[in-house]
């Protein structure tokens, strides 16, 4: 069966390579918590290094903020995944993301 013609949840389980609906729900929860936390954590970190939107032109501030959010996301993903007992699954995803940034891990 084509990926596009599969029923909703079965298709999502196949895309995310999970075995159960429970694990799929946990994956979604981990991604959502990590994304939200990375936004909240990056703001104080930007202030800690002395960078604010008032000090920098938006052309400089926003790319710097996006880099900071991305770095926070990478670190927080493994922390949140550990809390949900999904380290093995998310370590695979983490390695794939890092490879896209040019970092190779075994």
C-alpha atoms as a PDB file:
ATOM      1  CA  UNK A   1       0.000   0.000   0.000  1.00  0.00           C
ATOM      2  CA  UNK A   2       1.274   3.477  -0.857  1.00  0.00           C
ATOM      3  CA  UNK A   3       2.330   5.679   2.035  1.00  0.00           C
ATOM      4  CA  UNK A   4      -0.235   8.288   0.979  1.00  0.00           C
ATOM      5  CA  UNK A   5      -3.159   5.835   0.985  1.00  0.00           C
ATOM      6  CA  UNK A   6      -2.589   4.341   4.413  1.00  0.00           C
ATOM      7  CA  UNK A   7      -5.038   5.201   7.188  1.00  0.00           C
ATOM      8  CA  UNK A   8      -3.950   8.105   9.422  1.00  0.00           C
ATOM      9  CA  UNK A   9      -2.433   6.543  12.539  1.00  0.00           C
ATOM     10  CA  UNK A  10      -0.900   3.584  10.705  1.00  0.00           C
ATOM     11  CA  UNK A  11       0.756   5.996   8.305  1.00  0.00           C
ATOM     12  CA  UNK A  12       2.133   8.091  11.169  1.00  0.00           C
ATOM     13  CA  UNK A  13       3.466   4.990  12.938  1.00  0.00           C
ATOM     14  CA  UNK A  14       5.254   3.980   9.755  1.00  0.00           C
ATOM     15  CA  UNK A  15       6.685   7.469   9.128  1.00  0.00           C
ATOM     16  CA  UNK A  16       7.965   7.785  12.715  1.00  0.00           C
ATOM     17  CA  UNK A  17       9.064   4.129  12.795  1.00  0.00           C
ATOM     18  CA  UNK A  18       7.291   3.267  16.043  1.00  0.00           C
ATOM     19  CA  UNK A  19       5.574   0.027  17.010  1.00  0.00           C
ATOM     20  CA  UNK A  20       2.564   1.224  18.966  1.00  0.00           C
ATOM     21  CA  UNK A  21       0.124   4.088  19.288  1.00  0.00           C
ATOM     22  CA  UNK A  22       1.427   4.635  22.815  1.00  0.00           C
ATOM     23  CA  UNK A  23       4.983   5.168  21.584  1.00  0.00           C
ATOM     24  CA  UNK A  24       3.691   7.469  18.818  1.00  0.00           C
ATOM     25  CA  UNK A  25       1.910   9.576  21.448  1.00  0.00           C
ATOM     26  CA  UNK A  26       5.085   9.711  23.557  1.00  0.00           C
ATOM     27  CA  UNK A  27       7.112  10.791  20.508  1.00  0.00           C
ATOM     28  CA  UNK A  28       4.662  13.624  19.824  1.00  0.00           C
ATOM     29  CA  UNK A  29       4.718  14.687  23.486  1.00  0.00           C
ATOM     30  CA  UNK A  30       8.538  14.695  23.589  1.00  0.00           C
ATOM     31  CA  UNK A  31       8.755  16.757  20.389  1.00  0.00           C
ATOM     32  CA  UNK A  32       6.182  19.278  21.609  1.00  0.00           C
ATOM     33  CA  UNK A  33       7.714  19.708  25.069  1.00  0.00           C
ATOM     34  CA  UNK A  34      11.214  20.028  23.596  1.00  0.00           C
ATOM     35  CA  UNK A  35      10.144  22.621  21.037  1.00  0.00           C
ATOM     36  CA  UNK A  36       8.361  24.722  23.619  1.00  0.00           C
ATOM     37  CA  UNK A  37      11.192  24.471  26.149  1.00  0.00           C
ATOM     38  CA  UNK A  38      13.814  25.424  23.568  1.00  0.00           C
ATOM     39  CA  UNK A  39      11.969  28.681  22.857  1.00  0.00           C
ATOM     40  CA  UNK A  40      11.655  29.505  26.569  1.00  0.00           C
ATOM     41  CA  UNK A  41      15.235  28.514  27.464  1.00  0.00           C
ATOM     42  CA  UNK A  42      16.865  30.355  24.563  1.00  0.00           C
ATOM     43  CA  UNK A  43      15.566  33.773  25.646  1.00  0.00           C
ATOM     44  CA  UNK A  44      17.362  33.867  29.040  1.00  0.00           C
ATOM     45  CA  UNK A  45      20.478  32.393  27.419  1.00  0.00           C
ATOM     46  CA  UNK A  46      20.481  35.219  24.882  1.00  0.00           C
ATOM     47  CA  UNK A  47      20.169  37.703  27.755  1.00  0.00           C
ATOM     48  CA  UNK A  48      22.964  35.901  29.611  1.00  0.00           C
ATOM     49  CA  UNK A  49      25.371  36.473  26.729  1.00  0.00           C
ATOM     50  CA  UNK A  50      24.185  40.070  26.490  1.00  0.00           C
ATOM     51  CA  UNK A  51      22.125  39.910  23.305  1.00  0.00           C
ATOM     52  CA  UNK A  52      18.666  41.452  23.035  1.00  0.00           C
ATOM     53  CA  UNK A  53      16.395  42.579  20.233  1.00  0.00           C
ATOM     54  CA  UNK A  54      16.811  46.172  21.423  1.00  0.00           C
ATOM     55  CA  UNK A  55      20.603  46.025  21.060  1.00  0.00           C
ATOM     56  CA  UNK A  56      20.882  44.298  17.701  1.00  0.00           C
ATOM     57  CA  UNK A  57      19.327  44.972  14.341  1.00  0.00           C
ATOM     58  CA  UNK A  58      16.649  42.360  13.534  1.00  0.00           C
ATOM     59  CA  UNK A  59      18.746  41.106  10.609  1.00  0.00           C
ATOM     60  CA  UNK A  60      21.411  40.034  13.125  1.00  0.00           C
ATOM     61  CA  UNK A  61      19.229  39.249  16.120  1.00  0.00           C
ATOM     62  CA  UNK A  62      16.835  36.731  14.544  1.00  0.00           C
ATOM     63  CA  UNK A  63      19.410  34.485  12.851  1.00  0.00           C
ATOM     64  CA  UNK A  64      21.330  34.445  16.143  1.00  0.00           C
ATOM     65  CA  UNK A  65      18.129  33.590  18.024  1.00  0.00           C
ATOM     66  CA  UNK A  66      17.343  30.775  15.583  1.00  0.00           C
ATOM     67  CA  UNK A  67      20.825  29.321  16.100  1.00  0.00           C
ATOM     68  CA  UNK A  68      20.365  29.547  19.885  1.00  0.00           C
ATOM     69  CA  UNK A  69      16.944  27.847  19.709  1.00  0.00           C
ATOM     70  CA  UNK A  70      18.415  25.082  17.545  1.00  0.00           C
ATOM     71  CA  UNK A  71      21.278  24.467  19.969  1.00  0.00           C
ATOM     72  CA  UNK A  72      18.885  24.436  22.930  1.00  0.00           C
ATOM     73  CA  UNK A  73      16.601  22.038  21.067  1.00  0.00           C
ATOM     74  CA  UNK A  74      19.427  19.566  20.453  1.00  0.00           C
ATOM     75  CA  UNK A  75      20.381  19.504  24.129  1.00  0.00           C
ATOM     76  CA  UNK A  76      16.835  19.462  25.479  1.00  0.00           C
ATOM     77  CA  UNK A  77      15.662  16.694  23.141  1.00  0.00           C
ATOM     78  CA  UNK A  78      17.802  14.106  24.893  1.00  0.00           C
ATOM     79  CA  UNK A  79      16.896  15.406  28.358  1.00  0.00           C
ATOM     80  CA  UNK A  80      13.149  15.253  27.683  1.00  0.00           C
ATOM     81  CA  UNK A  81      13.489  11.889  25.898  1.00  0.00           C
ATOM     82  CA  UNK A  82      15.262  10.510  28.967  1.00  0.00           C
ATOM     83  CA  UNK A  83      12.376  11.617  31.188  1.00  0.00           C
ATOM     84  CA  UNK A  84       9.991   9.643  28.964  1.00  0.00           C
ATOM     85  CA  UNK A  85      12.239   6.576  28.642  1.00  0.00           C
ATOM     86  CA  UNK A  86      12.787   7.048  24.909  1.00  0.00           C
ATOM     87  CA  UNK A  87      16.549   7.636  24.780  1.00  0.00           C
ATOM     88  CA  UNK A  88      17.255   4.939  22.175  1.00  0.00           C
ATOM     89  CA  UNK A  89      14.599   6.198  19.777  1.00  0.00           C
ATOM     90  CA  UNK A  90      15.569   9.859  20.080  1.00  0.00           C
ATOM     91  CA  UNK A  91      19.307   9.175  19.981  1.00  0.00           C
ATOM     92  CA  UNK A  92      18.725   7.801  16.470  1.00  0.00           C
ATOM     93  CA  UNK A  93      16.892  10.993  15.543  1.00  0.00           C
ATOM     94  CA  UNK A  94      19.531  13.162  17.222  1.00  0.00           C
ATOM     95  CA  UNK A  95      22.333  11.513  15.236  1.00  0.00           C
ATOM     96  CA  UNK A  96      20.394  12.085  12.012  1.00  0.00           C
ATOM     97  CA  UNK A  97      19.898  15.780  12.848  1.00  0.00           C
ATOM     98  CA  UNK A  98      23.561  16.226  13.745  1.00  0.00           C
ATOM     99  CA  UNK A  99      24.612  14.569  10.476  1.00  0.00           C
ATOM    100  CA  UNK A 100      22.610  17.223   8.643  1.00  0.00           C
ATOM    101  CA  UNK A 101      24.740  19.818  10.456  1.00  0.00           C
ATOM    102  CA  UNK A 102      27.896  17.998   9.327  1.00  0.00           C
ATOM    103  CA  UNK A 103      28.617  16.276  12.662  1.00  0.00           C
ATOM    104  CA  UNK A 104      29.170  12.512  12.404  1.00  0.00           C
ATOM    105  CA  UNK A 105      28.679  10.252  15.433  1.00  0.00           C
ATOM    106  CA  UNK A 106      28.821   6.470  15.693  1.00  0.00           C
END
